[in-house]
Every structure is written in C-alpha cells, then in structure tokens.
PDB file of N, CA and C in Angstrom:
ATOM      1  N   UNK A   1       9.073  -0.341 -11.839  1.00  0.00           N
ATOM      2  CA  UNK A   1       8.412   0.132 -10.516  1.00  0.00           C
ATOM      3  C   UNK A   1       8.020  -1.147  -9.990  1.00  0.00           C
ATOM      4  N   UNK A   2       7.146  -0.998  -8.900  1.00  0.00           N
ATOM      5  CA  UNK A   2       6.566  -2.045  -8.200  1.00  0.00           C
ATOM      6  C   UNK A   2       7.501  -2.899  -7.331  1.00  0.00           C
ATOM      7  N   UNK A   3       8.619  -2.419  -7.005  1.00  0.00           N
ATOM      8  CA  UNK A   3       9.693  -3.294  -5.925  1.00  0.00           C
ATOM      9  C   UNK A   3       9.243  -2.630  -4.774  1.00  0.00           C
ATOM     10  N   UNK A   4       8.138  -3.425  -4.183  1.00  0.00           N
ATOM     11  CA  UNK A   4       7.483  -3.031  -2.660  1.00  0.00           C
ATOM     12  C   UNK A   4       8.695  -3.709  -1.678  1.00  0.00           C
ATOM     13  N   UNK A   5       8.748  -2.706  -0.572  1.00  0.00           N
ATOM     14  CA  UNK A   5       9.291  -3.206   0.484  1.00  0.00           C
ATOM     15  C   UNK A   5       8.589  -4.212   1.513  1.00  0.00           C
ATOM     16  N   UNK A   6       9.183  -4.907   2.322  1.00  0.00           N
ATOM     17  CA  UNK A   6       8.179  -5.728   3.233  1.00  0.00           C
ATOM     18  C   UNK A   6       7.079  -4.997   4.052  1.00  0.00           C
ATOM     19  N   UNK A   7       7.743  -3.692   4.418  1.00  0.00           N
ATOM     20  CA  UNK A   7       6.614  -2.932   5.289  1.00  0.00           C
ATOM     21  C   UNK A   7       5.553  -2.319   4.203  1.00  0.00           C
ATOM     22  N   UNK A   8       5.994  -2.108   2.991  1.00  0.00           N
ATOM     23  CA  UNK A   8       4.859  -1.627   2.156  1.00  0.00           C
ATOM     24  C   UNK A   8       3.996  -2.807   1.807  1.00  0.00           C
ATOM     25  N   UNK A   9       4.362  -3.803   1.581  1.00  0.00           N
ATOM     26  CA  UNK A   9       3.400  -5.066   1.427  1.00  0.00           C
ATOM     27  C   UNK A   9       2.725  -5.220   2.733  1.00  0.00           C
ATOM     28  N   UNK A  10       3.138  -5.197   3.768  1.00  0.00           N
ATOM     29  CA  UNK A  10       2.211  -5.396   5.089  1.00  0.00           C
ATOM     30  C   UNK A  10       0.938  -4.240   4.917  1.00  0.00           C
ATOM     31  N   UNK A  11       1.750  -3.135   4.848  1.00  0.00           N
ATOM     32  CA  UNK A  11       0.537  -1.949   4.789  1.00  0.00           C
ATOM     33  C   UNK A  11      -0.535  -2.338   3.582  1.00  0.00           C
ATOM     34  N   UNK A  12      -0.014  -2.766   2.646  1.00  0.00           N
ATOM     35  CA  UNK A  12      -1.096  -3.004   1.246  1.00  0.00           C
ATOM     36  C   UNK A  12      -1.967  -4.009   1.775  1.00  0.00           C
ATOM     37  N   UNK A  13      -1.445  -5.140   2.588  1.00  0.00           N
ATOM     38  CA  UNK A  13      -2.231  -6.292   3.029  1.00  0.00           C
ATOM     39  C   UNK A  13      -3.627  -5.871   4.034  1.00  0.00           C
ATOM     40  N   UNK A  14      -2.824  -4.871   4.930  1.00  0.00           N
ATOM     41  CA  UNK A  14      -3.974  -4.390   5.840  1.00  0.00           C
ATOM     42  C   UNK A  14      -5.096  -3.707   5.004  1.00  0.00           C
ATOM     43  N   UNK A  15      -4.835  -2.795   3.997  1.00  0.00           N
ATOM     44  CA  UNK A  15      -5.742  -1.990   3.425  1.00  0.00           C
ATOM     45  C   UNK A  15      -6.318  -2.587   2.167  1.00  0.00           C
ATOM     46  N   UNK A  16      -5.954  -3.820   1.838  1.00  0.00           N
ATOM     47  CA  UNK A  16      -6.279  -4.094   0.288  1.00  0.00           C
ATOM     48  C   UNK A  16      -7.930  -4.282   0.256  1.00  0.00           C
ATOM     49  N   UNK A  17      -8.406  -3.810  -0.891  1.00  0.00           N
ATOM     50  CA  UNK A  17      -9.732  -4.070  -1.110  1.00  0.00           C
ATOM     51  C   UNK A  17      -9.890  -4.901  -2.046  1.00  0.00           C
ATOM     52  N   UNK A  18      -9.025  -5.510  -2.780  1.00  0.00           N
ATOM     53  CA  UNK A  18      -9.230  -6.357  -4.024  1.00  0.00           C
ATOM     54  C   UNK A  18      -8.748  -5.752  -5.165  1.00  0.00           C
ATOM     55  N   UNK A  19      -8.844  -4.288  -5.248  1.00  0.00           N
ATOM     56  CA  UNK A  19      -8.294  -3.582  -6.601  1.00  0.00           C
ATOM     57  C   UNK A  19      -7.389  -2.670  -6.256  1.00  0.00           C
ATOM     58  N   UNK A  20      -6.540  -2.316  -7.335  1.00  0.00           N
ATOM     59  CA  UNK A  20      -5.365  -1.329  -7.058  1.00  0.00           C
ATOM     60  C   UNK A  20      -6.272   0.058  -6.853  1.00  0.00           C
ATOM     61  N   UNK A  21      -7.075   0.726  -7.358  1.00  0.00           N
ATOM     62  CA  UNK A  21      -7.937   1.707  -7.340  1.00  0.00           C
ATOM     63  C   UNK A  21      -8.592   1.581  -5.937  1.00  0.00           C
ATOM     64  N   UNK A  22      -9.008   0.766  -5.372  1.00  0.00           N
ATOM     65  CA  UNK A  22      -9.710   0.564  -4.099  1.00  0.00           C
ATOM     66  C   UNK A  22      -8.486   0.607  -2.773  1.00  0.00           C
ATOM     67  N   UNK A  23      -7.358   0.009  -3.092  1.00  0.00           N
ATOM     68  CA  UNK A  23      -6.379  -0.038  -2.337  1.00  0.00           C
ATOM     69  C   UNK A  23      -5.883   1.443  -2.278  1.00  0.00           C
ATOM     70  N   UNK A  24      -5.815   2.265  -3.352  1.00  0.00           N
ATOM     71  CA  UNK A  24      -5.156   3.536  -3.190  1.00  0.00           C
ATOM     72  C   UNK A  24      -6.239   4.436  -2.742  1.00  0.00           C
ATOM     73  N   UNK A  25      -7.089   4.227  -2.956  1.00  0.00           N
ATOM     74  CA  UNK A  25      -8.351   4.883  -2.129  1.00  0.00           C
ATOM     75  C   UNK A  25      -8.459   4.718  -0.670  1.00  0.00           C
ATOM     76  N   UNK A  26      -8.115   3.741  -0.133  1.00  0.00           N
ATOM     77  CA  UNK A  26      -8.133   3.221   1.265  1.00  0.00           C
ATOM     78  C   UNK A  26      -6.918   3.692   1.954  1.00  0.00           C
ATOM     79  N   UNK A  27      -5.811   3.842   1.194  1.00  0.00           N
ATOM     80  CA  UNK A  27      -4.417   4.036   1.957  1.00  0.00           C
ATOM     81  C   UNK A  27      -4.736   5.750   1.817  1.00  0.00           C
ATOM     82  N   UNK A  28      -5.109   6.417   0.917  1.00  0.00           N
ATOM     83  CA  UNK A  28      -5.224   7.799   0.836  1.00  0.00           C
ATOM     84  C   UNK A  28      -6.030   8.302   1.888  1.00  0.00           C
ATOM     85  N   UNK A  29      -7.378   7.592   2.100  1.00  0.00           N
ATOM     86  CA  UNK A  29      -8.124   8.081   3.516  1.00  0.00           C
ATOM     87  C   UNK A  29      -7.539   7.763   4.645  1.00  0.00           C
ATOM     88  N   UNK A  30      -6.693   6.754   4.696  1.00  0.00           N
ATOM     89  CA  UNK A  30      -6.151   6.432   6.055  1.00  0.00           C
ATOM     90  C   UNK A  30      -4.811   7.432   6.159  1.00  0.00           C
ATOM     91  N   UNK A  31      -4.362   7.985   5.194  1.00  0.00           N
ATOM     92  CA  UNK A  31      -3.296   8.953   5.227  1.00  0.00           C
ATOM     93  C   UNK A  31      -3.907  10.268   5.744  1.00  0.00           C
ATOM     94  N   UNK A  32      -5.116  10.582   5.394  1.00  0.00           N
ATOM     95  CA  UNK A  32      -5.786  11.812   5.902  1.00  0.00           C
ATOM     96  C   UNK A  32      -6.116  11.865   7.563  1.00  0.00           C
ATOM     97  N   UNK A  33      -6.040  10.665   8.208  1.00  0.00           N
ATOM     98  CA  UNK A  33      -6.227  10.475   9.574  1.00  0.00           C
ATOM     99  C   UNK A  33      -5.083  10.635  10.357  1.00  0.00           C
ATOM    100  N   UNK A  34      -3.946  10.468   9.785  1.00  0.00           N
ATOM    101  CA  UNK A  34      -2.627  10.595  10.567  1.00  0.00           C
ATOM    102  C   UNK A  34      -2.379  11.710  10.985  1.00  0.00           C
ATOM    103  N   UNK A  35      -1.744  11.763  12.225  1.00  0.00           N
ATOM    104  CA  UNK A  35      -1.432  13.015  12.859  1.00  0.00           C
ATOM    105  C   UNK A  35      -0.183  13.295  12.405  1.00  0.00           C
ATOM    106  N   UNK A  36       0.478  14.840  12.235  1.00  0.00           N
ATOM    107  CA  UNK A  36       1.637  15.233  11.550  1.00  0.00           C
ATOM    108  C   UNK A  36       2.746  14.419  12.438  1.00  0.00           C
ATOM    109  N   UNK A  37       2.862  13.950  13.613  1.00  0.00           N
ATOM    110  CA  UNK A  37       3.937  13.290  14.026  1.00  0.00           C
ATOM    111  C   UNK A  37       4.342  12.002  13.605  1.00  0.00           C
ATOM    112  N   UNK A  38       3.124  11.305  12.711  1.00  0.00           N
ATOM    113  CA  UNK A  38       3.382  10.028  12.342  1.00  0.00           C
ATOM    114  C   UNK A  38       4.067  10.008  11.043  1.00  0.00           C
ATOM    115  N   UNK A  39       5.432  10.432  11.007  1.00  0.00           N
ATOM    116  CA  UNK A  39       6.105  10.777   9.690  1.00  0.00           C
ATOM    117  C   UNK A  39       6.485   9.577   9.115  1.00  0.00           C
ATOM    118  N   UNK A  40       6.862   8.563   9.836  1.00  0.00           N
ATOM    119  CA  UNK A  40       7.323   7.122   9.309  1.00  0.00           C
ATOM    120  C   UNK A  40       6.301   6.501   8.520  1.00  0.00           C
ATOM    121  N   UNK A  41       4.836   6.605   9.041  1.00  0.00           N
ATOM    122  CA  UNK A  41       3.709   5.781   8.638  1.00  0.00           C
ATOM    123  C   UNK A  41       3.409   6.774   7.279  1.00  0.00           C
ATOM    124  N   UNK A  42       3.325   8.046   7.421  1.00  0.00           N
ATOM    125  CA  UNK A  42       3.014   8.677   6.375  1.00  0.00           C
ATOM    126  C   UNK A  42       4.073   8.621   4.997  1.00  0.00           C
ATOM    127  N   UNK A  43       5.367   8.582   5.275  1.00  0.00           N
ATOM    128  CA  UNK A  43       6.298   8.319   4.301  1.00  0.00           C
ATOM    129  C   UNK A  43       6.061   7.060   3.814  1.00  0.00           C
ATOM    130  N   UNK A  44       5.823   5.856   4.534  1.00  0.00           N
ATOM    131  CA  UNK A  44       5.663   4.670   3.757  1.00  0.00           C
ATOM    132  C   UNK A  44       4.288   4.629   3.218  1.00  0.00           C
ATOM    133  N   UNK A  45       3.205   5.181   3.672  1.00  0.00           N
ATOM    134  CA  UNK A  45       2.153   5.319   2.591  1.00  0.00           C
ATOM    135  C   UNK A  45       2.278   6.007   1.301  1.00  0.00           C
ATOM    136  N   UNK A  46       3.019   7.068   1.437  1.00  0.00           N
ATOM    137  CA  UNK A  46       3.469   8.019   0.111  1.00  0.00           C
ATOM    138  C   UNK A  46       4.025   7.179  -0.736  1.00  0.00           C
ATOM    139  N   UNK A  47       5.080   6.213  -0.356  1.00  0.00           N
ATOM    140  CA  UNK A  47       5.961   5.634  -1.050  1.00  0.00           C
ATOM    141  C   UNK A  47       5.196   4.482  -1.836  1.00  0.00           C
ATOM    142  N   UNK A  48       4.353   3.726  -1.107  1.00  0.00           N
ATOM    143  CA  UNK A  48       3.502   2.634  -1.553  1.00  0.00           C
ATOM    144  C   UNK A  48       2.373   3.228  -2.771  1.00  0.00           C
ATOM    145  N   UNK A  49       1.809   4.428  -2.418  1.00  0.00           N
ATOM    146  CA  UNK A  49       1.024   5.182  -3.165  1.00  0.00           C
ATOM    147  C   UNK A  49       1.511   5.523  -4.617  1.00  0.00           C
ATOM    148  N   UNK A  50       2.911   6.046  -4.376  1.00  0.00           N
ATOM    149  CA  UNK A  50       3.556   6.328  -5.577  1.00  0.00           C
ATOM    150  C   UNK A  50       3.935   4.992  -6.504  1.00  0.00           C
ATOM    151  N   UNK A  51       4.186   4.339  -6.005  1.00  0.00           N
ATOM    152  CA  UNK A  51       4.484   2.897  -6.654  1.00  0.00           C
ATOM    153  C   UNK A  51       3.114   2.177  -7.285  1.00  0.00           C
ATOM    154  N   UNK A  52       2.123   2.257  -6.557  1.00  0.00           N
ATOM    155  CA  UNK A  52       0.711   1.867  -7.001  1.00  0.00           C
ATOM    156  C   UNK A  52       0.283   2.686  -8.082  1.00  0.00           C
ATOM    157  N   UNK A  53       0.297   4.057  -8.119  1.00  0.00           N
ATOM    158  CA  UNK A  53       0.099   4.948  -9.157  1.00  0.00           C
ATOM    159  C   UNK A  53       0.771   4.360 -10.501  1.00  0.00           C
ATOM    160  N   UNK A  54       1.965   3.825 -10.447  1.00  0.00           N
ATOM    161  CA  UNK A  54       2.884   3.792 -11.568  1.00  0.00           C
ATOM    162  C   UNK A  54       2.641   2.473 -12.158  1.00  0.00           C
ATOM    163  N   UNK A  55       1.940   1.459 -11.357  1.00  0.00           N
ATOM    164  CA  UNK A  55       1.734   0.302 -11.855  1.00  0.00           C
ATOM    165  C   UNK A  55       0.437  -0.067 -12.595  1.00  0.00           C
ATOM    166  N   UNK A  56       0.223  -0.908 -13.689  1.00  0.00           N
ATOM    167  CA  UNK A  56      -0.793  -1.066 -14.428  1.00  0.00           C
ATOM    168  C   UNK A  56      -1.561  -2.227 -13.459  1.00  0.00           C
ATOM    169  N   UNK A  57      -3.014  -2.399 -13.703  1.00  0.00           N
ATOM    170  CA  UNK A  57      -3.855  -3.029 -13.043  1.00  0.00           C
ATOM    171  C   UNK A  57      -3.334  -4.635 -13.042  1.00  0.00           C
ATOM    172  N   UNK A  58      -2.935  -5.063 -14.425  1.00  0.00           N
ATOM    173  CA  UNK A  58      -2.431  -6.364 -14.571  1.00  0.00           C
ATOM    174  C   UNK A  58      -1.311  -6.675 -13.524  1.00  0.00           C
ATOM    175  N   UNK A  59      -0.292  -5.691 -13.454  1.00  0.00           N
ATOM    176  CA  UNK A  59       0.653  -6.075 -12.626  1.00  0.00           C
ATOM    177  C   UNK A  59       0.439  -6.169 -11.112  1.00  0.00           C
ATOM    178  N   UNK A  60      -0.503  -5.451 -10.740  1.00  0.00           N
ATOM    179  CA  UNK A  60      -1.334  -5.108  -9.202  1.00  0.00           C
ATOM    180  C   UNK A  60      -1.770  -6.644  -9.068  1.00  0.00           C
ATOM    181  N   UNK A  61      -2.751  -7.083 -10.123  1.00  0.00           N
ATOM    182  CA  UNK A  61      -3.390  -8.546  -9.925  1.00  0.00           C
ATOM    183  C   UNK A  61      -2.375  -9.571  -9.711  1.00  0.00           C
ATOM    184  N   UNK A  62      -1.125  -9.309 -10.151  1.00  0.00           N
ATOM    185  CA  UNK A  62      -0.427 -10.605  -9.794  1.00  0.00           C
ATOM    186  C   UNK A  62       0.459 -10.491  -8.281  1.00  0.00           C
ATOM    187  N   UNK A  63       0.134  -9.580  -7.621  1.00  0.00           N
ATOM    188  CA  UNK A  63       0.678  -9.320  -6.436  1.00  0.00           C
ATOM    189  C   UNK A  63       0.027 -10.261  -5.390  1.00  0.00           C
ATOM    190  N   UNK A  64       0.619 -10.924  -4.463  1.00  0.00           N
ATOM    191  CA  UNK A  64      -0.011 -11.642  -3.405  1.00  0.00           C
ATOM    192  C   UNK A  64       0.124 -11.049  -2.183  1.00  0.00           C
ATOM    193  N   UNK A  65      -1.259 -10.392  -1.891  1.00  0.00           N
ATOM    194  CA  UNK A  65      -1.341  -9.228  -0.682  1.00  0.00           C
ATOM    195  C   UNK A  65      -1.986 -10.130   0.245  1.00  0.00           C
ATOM    196  N   UNK A  66      -1.178 -11.145   0.678  1.00  0.00           N
ATOM    197  CA  UNK A  66      -1.986 -11.873   1.999  1.00  0.00           C
ATOM    198  C   UNK A  66      -0.904 -11.990   3.019  1.00  0.00           C
ATOM    199  N   UNK A  67      -1.472 -11.648   4.157  1.00  0.00           N
ATOM    200  CA  UNK A  67      -0.191 -11.715   5.248  1.00  0.00           C
ATOM    201  C   UNK A  67       0.420 -12.938   5.329  1.00  0.00           C
ATOM    202  N   UNK A  68       1.618 -12.922   5.628  1.00  0.00           N
ATOM    203  CA  UNK A  68       2.358 -14.129   5.585  1.00  0.00           C
ATOM    204  C   UNK A  68       2.888 -14.307   7.260  1.00  0.00           C
ATOM    205  N   UNK A  69       2.083 -15.280   7.894  1.00  0.00           N
ATOM    206  CA  UNK A  69       2.270 -15.475   9.358  1.00  0.00           C
ATOM    207  C   UNK A  69       3.325 -16.094   9.656  1.00  0.00           C
ATOM    208  N   UNK A  70       3.961 -16.964   8.772  1.00  0.00           N
ATOM    209  CA  UNK A  70       5.143 -17.733   8.936  1.00  0.00           C
ATOM    210  C   UNK A  70       6.593 -16.725   9.224  1.00  0.00           C
ATOM    211  N   UNK A  71       6.435 -15.609   9.048  1.00  0.00           N
ATOM    212  CA  UNK A  71       7.662 -14.734   9.014  1.00  0.00           C
ATOM    213  C   UNK A  71       7.792 -14.068  10.156  1.00  0.00           C
TER     214      UNK A  71
END
C-alpha cells in the first residue's frame, strides 16, 4: 500500500499536520464540509484516507509531504 498518486500527495501536503493520525483527522474533517457535488475531491480524499489507514506510522514518517513548486 502507500502508492499515492500525485493528486493524493498534493492533498496530503495541504492538510499535513506532521503525524499520520493528525493528517487523517484533518482530511476526515475537511471531507465533512464537502458538498455532495464535490465527487472528485471526495473520492480523492477517500482514496488517500484508505491508504493512510493501511500504512504504519514509520512508513508515513518516510513520506516527503512538502509541496514541489518546481513541477
């Protein structure tokens, strides 16, 4: 698991709190504010949350969750 898409990585960069649990909490909270027509963002958030739940903290700690402004 843990093979995040470019879009998932960008989403996680935006909501990263520094911990896996904190990021999952932030994403879950944000998801609660999405209107029903935001189906793409909802699906993206669900996919990222699913992968985050399946990975151990040590693997999360090795992710580089910093925006890459060069791309």
